[in-house]
Protein backbone atom coordinates (compact mmCIF):
# COMPACT_ATOMS: atom_id res chain seq x y z
CA MET A 1 -19.60 -112.58 -4.43
CA LEU A 2 -17.78 -108.62 -3.67
CA ILE A 3 -19.70 -107.02 -0.70
CA SER A 4 -19.38 -103.15 -1.72
CA PRO A 5 -19.87 -100.64 1.74
CA ARG A 6 -21.85 -99.29 2.33
CA PRO A 7 -21.61 -95.72 1.39
CA ASP A 8 -21.03 -92.66 4.18
CA PRO A 9 -23.45 -90.41 4.82
CA ALA A 10 -21.54 -87.85 5.88
CA PRO A 11 -21.18 -86.26 3.10
CA ALA A 12 -24.68 -86.56 1.70
CA ALA A 13 -25.68 -84.70 5.83
CA HIS A 14 -23.04 -82.50 5.21
CA ASP A 15 -24.29 -80.67 1.80
CA ARG A 16 -27.52 -80.98 3.27
CA VAL A 17 -27.29 -78.47 5.84
CA TYR A 18 -24.55 -76.88 4.12
CA ARG A 19 -27.27 -76.23 1.31
CA GLY A 20 -29.73 -75.49 3.95
CA LEU A 21 -27.48 -73.17 6.28
CA ARG A 22 -26.17 -70.96 3.18
CA SER A 23 -30.39 -70.43 1.89
CA ARG A 24 -31.35 -68.86 5.02
CA VAL A 25 -28.17 -66.13 5.53
CA MET A 26 -28.40 -65.35 1.98
CA HIS A 27 -32.08 -64.90 2.51
CA GLY A 28 -32.12 -62.40 4.91
CA GLU A 29 -33.53 -65.43 7.45
CA ILE A 30 -30.35 -64.56 9.69
CA GLY A 31 -30.06 -61.10 11.02
CA PRO A 32 -26.93 -59.98 11.30
CA GLY A 33 -24.29 -60.46 13.79
CA GLN A 34 -26.32 -63.52 14.93
CA ALA A 35 -24.54 -65.82 16.80
CA LEU A 36 -24.73 -70.25 15.61
CA THR A 37 -23.46 -73.44 17.58
CA LEU A 38 -22.59 -76.14 16.23
CA ARG A 39 -24.58 -78.29 18.40
CA GLY A 40 -28.26 -75.95 17.89
CA ILE A 41 -27.16 -76.68 13.93
CA ALA A 42 -27.07 -80.52 14.11
CA ALA A 43 -29.38 -80.84 16.62
CA GLU A 44 -31.98 -78.85 13.78
CA PHE A 45 -30.27 -80.99 11.13
CA GLU A 46 -30.94 -84.13 12.65
CA VAL A 47 -27.06 -84.89 11.78
CA SER A 48 -24.10 -85.26 13.51
CA MET A 49 -21.38 -82.87 14.88
CA THR A 50 -18.99 -84.01 12.23
CA PRO A 51 -21.39 -82.34 9.16
CA ALA A 52 -22.52 -79.28 10.53
CA ARG A 53 -19.36 -78.59 11.75
CA GLU A 54 -18.71 -78.99 8.25
CA ALA A 55 -21.21 -77.00 6.63
CA LEU A 56 -20.24 -74.24 9.13
CA ARG A 57 -16.77 -74.13 7.85
CA ARG A 58 -17.71 -74.28 4.50
CA LEU A 59 -19.89 -71.33 4.93
CA SER A 60 -17.24 -69.52 6.69
CA ALA A 61 -14.66 -70.16 3.46
CA GLU A 62 -17.44 -68.56 1.07
CA GLY A 63 -17.18 -65.55 3.87
CA ALA A 64 -20.57 -65.77 4.80
CA LEU A 65 -20.12 -66.55 8.54
CA THR A 66 -17.26 -65.68 11.11
CA MET A 67 -15.70 -68.00 13.37
CA SER A 68 -13.68 -66.48 16.32
CA ASN A 69 -10.54 -68.06 17.83
CA SER A 70 -12.97 -69.26 20.93
CA GLY A 71 -14.94 -71.14 17.91
CA ARG A 72 -17.61 -68.36 18.28
CA VAL A 73 -19.28 -69.08 14.91
CA SER A 74 -22.44 -65.92 13.48
CA THR A 75 -22.82 -64.05 10.68
CA PRO A 76 -20.88 -60.91 10.03
CA GLU A 77 -21.78 -57.34 10.87
CA LEU A 78 -19.89 -55.39 7.72
CA SER A 79 -18.21 -52.70 8.49
CA ASN A 80 -19.28 -49.28 5.57
CA GLU A 81 -16.16 -50.00 4.06
CA ARG A 82 -17.46 -53.97 3.60
CA ILE A 83 -20.44 -53.04 2.29
CA GLU A 84 -19.43 -50.83 -0.30
CA GLU A 85 -16.88 -53.13 -1.07
CA LEU A 86 -18.81 -55.44 -2.00
CA ALA A 87 -21.92 -53.13 -3.62
CA ALA A 88 -18.47 -52.60 -5.89
CA LEU A 89 -18.64 -56.03 -6.49
CA ARG A 90 -22.80 -55.85 -7.06
CA SER A 91 -22.72 -53.12 -9.63
CA LEU A 92 -19.36 -54.46 -11.37
CA LEU A 93 -20.43 -58.45 -11.87
CA GLU A 94 -23.90 -58.22 -12.50
CA VAL A 95 -23.87 -55.31 -15.20
CA GLU A 96 -21.88 -57.21 -16.67
CA LEU A 97 -24.24 -60.66 -15.75
CA ALA A 98 -26.99 -58.57 -17.62
CA SER A 99 -25.41 -56.72 -21.01
CA ARG A 100 -24.68 -60.95 -21.98
CA ALA A 101 -27.87 -61.75 -21.08
CA LEU A 102 -29.06 -59.02 -24.03
CA PRO A 103 -28.80 -60.78 -26.43
CA ARG A 104 -30.72 -63.86 -25.26
CA ALA A 105 -33.54 -61.67 -23.32
CA HIS A 106 -36.32 -63.76 -25.31
CA ILE A 107 -40.17 -62.80 -25.06
CA ALA A 108 -40.52 -66.03 -22.03
CA LEU A 109 -37.85 -64.61 -20.45
CA ILE A 110 -38.96 -60.96 -20.43
CA ASP A 111 -42.55 -62.37 -19.51
CA ARG A 112 -41.03 -64.23 -16.55
CA LEU A 113 -39.34 -60.94 -14.94
CA GLN A 114 -42.79 -59.59 -14.67
CA THR A 115 -44.63 -62.44 -13.33
CA ILE A 116 -41.37 -62.64 -10.09
CA ASN A 117 -41.98 -58.98 -10.70
CA ALA A 118 -45.39 -58.97 -9.22
CA ARG A 119 -44.81 -61.32 -6.50
CA ILE A 120 -42.50 -59.05 -4.92
CA THR A 121 -44.73 -56.38 -5.25
CA GLU A 122 -47.62 -59.08 -2.67
CA ASP A 123 -44.25 -60.10 -0.73
CA ILE A 124 -43.60 -55.76 -0.14
CA ALA A 125 -47.47 -56.05 0.52
CA ARG A 126 -46.82 -58.94 3.58
CA GLN A 127 -44.16 -56.86 4.81
CA ASP A 128 -42.34 -60.76 4.37
CA ALA A 129 -38.69 -59.71 4.30
CA VAL A 130 -37.14 -62.88 3.61
CA ALA A 131 -39.81 -63.66 0.91
CA TYR A 132 -39.21 -59.97 -0.22
CA ILE A 133 -35.02 -60.15 -0.45
CA ARG A 134 -35.71 -64.65 -1.67
CA ARG A 135 -37.62 -63.24 -5.23
CA ASN A 136 -35.53 -60.13 -5.94
CA LEU A 137 -32.40 -62.79 -6.02
CA GLU A 138 -34.98 -64.80 -8.00
CA PHE A 139 -34.94 -61.89 -10.92
CA HIS A 140 -31.96 -61.13 -10.46
CA ARG A 141 -30.80 -64.72 -10.69
CA THR A 142 -33.71 -65.43 -13.93
CA LEU A 143 -31.85 -63.26 -16.68
CA TYR A 144 -27.83 -63.99 -15.66
CA LEU A 145 -28.55 -67.57 -16.39
CA ARG A 146 -29.18 -66.31 -19.83
CA ALA A 147 -25.59 -64.45 -19.80
CA GLN A 148 -24.41 -68.88 -19.82
CA ALA A 149 -21.67 -67.07 -17.85
CA PRO A 150 -21.51 -70.11 -14.80
CA ALA A 151 -18.36 -69.02 -13.14
CA MET A 152 -19.12 -65.33 -13.17
CA LEU A 153 -22.21 -66.63 -12.40
CA ALA A 154 -21.08 -67.73 -8.80
CA MET A 155 -18.81 -64.47 -8.23
CA ALA A 156 -22.46 -62.64 -7.64
CA GLU A 157 -23.83 -65.62 -5.44
CA THR A 158 -21.13 -65.85 -2.57
CA VAL A 159 -21.27 -62.02 -3.25
CA TRP A 160 -25.26 -62.40 -2.08
CA LEU A 161 -24.66 -64.89 0.48
CA GLN A 162 -22.35 -62.74 2.34
CA LEU A 163 -24.25 -59.92 1.67
CA GLY A 164 -27.36 -61.77 3.08
CA PRO A 165 -28.52 -60.23 6.69
CA THR A 166 -27.39 -57.22 5.51
CA MET A 167 -29.69 -56.35 3.65
CA ARG A 168 -32.12 -57.58 5.79
CA ALA A 169 -30.87 -55.48 7.60
CA LEU A 170 -31.26 -52.11 4.15
CA TYR A 171 -34.72 -53.26 4.03
CA GLY A 172 -35.77 -52.95 7.74
CA ARG A 173 -34.22 -49.52 6.70
CA LEU A 174 -36.30 -48.87 3.81
CA ARG A 175 -39.96 -50.22 4.87
CA ARG A 176 -39.94 -50.31 0.97
CA LYS A 177 -44.37 -49.86 -0.30
CA ASP A 178 -43.31 -50.00 -4.06
CA PRO A 179 -41.51 -52.66 -6.18
CA PRO A 180 -38.53 -51.96 -7.18
CA HIS A 181 -38.21 -48.88 -9.99
CA CYS A 182 -35.02 -49.93 -10.97
CA HIS A 183 -36.21 -53.58 -12.12
CA ARG A 184 -38.95 -52.22 -14.37
CA LEU A 185 -36.57 -50.21 -16.12
CA MET A 186 -34.89 -53.41 -16.51
CA ILE A 187 -37.84 -54.84 -18.16
CA ALA A 188 -38.10 -51.57 -20.28
CA ALA A 189 -34.48 -52.25 -21.17
CA LEU A 190 -34.72 -55.48 -22.33
CA LYS A 191 -37.95 -55.38 -23.82
CA ALA A 192 -36.46 -52.14 -26.19
CA GLY A 193 -32.63 -54.35 -26.52
CA ASP A 194 -30.88 -51.12 -25.13
CA GLU A 195 -28.14 -51.82 -23.04
CA PRO A 196 -26.21 -49.12 -22.11
CA SER A 197 -29.91 -48.38 -19.87
CA LEU A 198 -30.41 -51.73 -19.17
CA ARG A 199 -26.51 -51.44 -18.05
CA LEU A 200 -27.27 -47.90 -16.25
CA ALA A 201 -30.72 -49.55 -14.15
CA VAL A 202 -28.65 -53.22 -13.21
CA ARG A 203 -25.74 -50.82 -11.45
CA SER A 204 -28.44 -48.15 -9.21
CA ASP A 205 -30.38 -51.64 -8.01
CA VAL A 206 -27.57 -53.67 -6.68
CA THR A 207 -25.81 -49.99 -4.97
CA GLN A 208 -28.76 -47.12 -4.39
CA GLY A 209 -29.74 -49.07 -0.87
CA LEU A 210 -26.65 -50.41 -0.13
CA ARG A 211 -25.31 -47.50 0.65
CA MET A 212 -27.95 -45.88 2.13
CA LEU A 213 -26.72 -48.49 4.59
CA VAL A 214 -23.08 -45.68 5.31
CA GLY A 215 -24.94 -42.71 3.91
């Protein structure tokens, strides 16, 4: 009787660390320029150094973290030029995703977007930056999933990942008290089936705030 070898736990451990850190970076739980240590990550996720190292390398390859020649790992501090580049990418990708989603924007989707937007208002009232960023991305992802363009959405999420710490810094500067006006414009355009207005609302929503950082 052949005995199957026990599966190597490292891949599962690596994926768990990767997903946990990815979520934190994307949602602004880690600020720009914050250092991470391999030992600290391994201890926090209760894994060995190998899966922790692989997770950090994977996130570095996606632009979510930077690794110096000395081995120091940190979240990036984006230059003005880099912020403008990523804002332009968001505009290109997300306007197209919204446009492709429009023909499939049924009433249930619009109701879901309105519910998320109401919760964003609650997050803002609590001054909860991380919850606000997380819910804001949920709003966009919920719409873009209807585009049925997974490769394009994956590219957009990579941009969100690179911008996560910077979005946290932006939230602190804006001190927002009201939900994003452009979200309401997006919902109105979806209800009306108005593609030009939807494209304009999405473009404004994903670029206006970021451009304040470089203004």
